[in-house]
Amino acid sequence: KEQQFFWRGIHKLSKRWEKCIASDGQY
């Protein structure tokens, strides 16, 4: 149960980071 929630949060962060990276081109 907790693991699924944890992975879901990581996946969401990854998507957000991808957007930031694509927008900034860096970090």
N, C-alpha and C. Protein backbone atom coordinates (compact mmCIF):
# COMPACT_ATOMS: atom_id res chain seq x y z
N LYS A 1 0.85 -1.19 0.00
CA LYS A 1 0.00 0.00 0.00
C LYS A 1 0.90 1.26 0.00
N GLU A 2 1.73 1.38 1.00
CA GLU A 2 2.57 2.59 1.08
C GLU A 2 3.52 2.67 -0.12
N GLN A 3 4.03 1.50 -0.50
CA GLN A 3 4.99 1.53 -1.62
C GLN A 3 4.32 2.10 -2.87
N GLN A 4 3.10 1.67 -3.14
CA GLN A 4 2.42 2.17 -4.35
C GLN A 4 2.31 3.69 -4.28
N PHE A 5 1.90 4.20 -3.14
CA PHE A 5 1.76 5.66 -2.99
C PHE A 5 3.12 6.33 -3.24
N PHE A 6 4.16 5.77 -2.67
CA PHE A 6 5.50 6.34 -2.83
C PHE A 6 5.90 6.38 -4.31
N TRP A 7 5.70 5.25 -5.00
CA TRP A 7 6.07 5.20 -6.43
C TRP A 7 5.25 6.21 -7.22
N ARG A 8 3.95 6.32 -6.82
CA ARG A 8 3.08 7.26 -7.58
C ARG A 8 3.65 8.67 -7.43
N GLY A 9 4.05 9.02 -6.23
CA GLY A 9 4.60 10.38 -6.02
C GLY A 9 5.86 10.56 -6.86
N ILE A 10 6.70 9.55 -6.89
CA ILE A 10 7.95 9.66 -7.68
C ILE A 10 7.61 9.84 -9.15
N HIS A 11 6.67 9.08 -9.63
CA HIS A 11 6.29 9.19 -11.05
C HIS A 11 5.79 10.60 -11.35
N LYS A 12 4.99 11.13 -10.46
CA LYS A 12 4.45 12.50 -10.67
C LYS A 12 5.62 13.49 -10.71
N LEU A 13 6.54 13.34 -9.77
CA LEU A 13 7.69 14.27 -9.73
C LEU A 13 8.51 14.14 -11.01
N SER A 14 8.69 12.91 -11.46
CA SER A 14 9.48 12.69 -12.69
C SER A 14 8.83 13.43 -13.85
N LYS A 15 7.52 13.32 -13.98
CA LYS A 15 6.83 14.00 -15.10
C LYS A 15 7.04 15.51 -14.96
N ARG A 16 6.93 15.99 -13.76
CA ARG A 16 7.08 17.45 -13.54
C ARG A 16 8.50 17.86 -13.92
N TRP A 17 9.47 17.09 -13.46
CA TRP A 17 10.87 17.42 -13.77
C TRP A 17 11.09 17.42 -15.27
N GLU A 18 10.50 16.43 -15.95
CA GLU A 18 10.67 16.36 -17.41
C GLU A 18 10.17 17.66 -18.04
N LYS A 19 9.03 18.14 -17.58
CA LYS A 19 8.47 19.38 -18.14
C LYS A 19 9.44 20.53 -17.87
N CYS A 20 9.93 20.62 -16.66
CA CYS A 20 10.87 21.70 -16.30
C CYS A 20 12.12 21.60 -17.17
N ILE A 21 12.64 20.42 -17.31
CA ILE A 21 13.87 20.23 -18.11
C ILE A 21 13.61 20.62 -19.56
N ALA A 22 12.47 20.18 -20.09
CA ALA A 22 12.16 20.49 -21.50
C ALA A 22 12.00 22.01 -21.66
N SER A 23 11.50 22.66 -20.63
CA SER A 23 11.28 24.11 -20.72
C SER A 23 12.61 24.85 -20.52
N ASP A 24 13.36 24.45 -19.53
CA ASP A 24 14.62 25.14 -19.23
C ASP A 24 15.75 24.61 -20.10
N GLY A 25 15.74 23.32 -20.36
CA GLY A 25 16.84 22.76 -21.15
C GLY A 25 17.97 22.33 -20.23
N GLN A 26 17.89 22.69 -18.96
CA GLN A 26 18.93 22.30 -18.00
C GLN A 26 18.26 21.75 -16.76
N TYR A 27 18.98 21.52 -15.71
CA TYR A 27 18.38 21.07 -14.44
C TYR A 27 16.88 20.91 -14.56
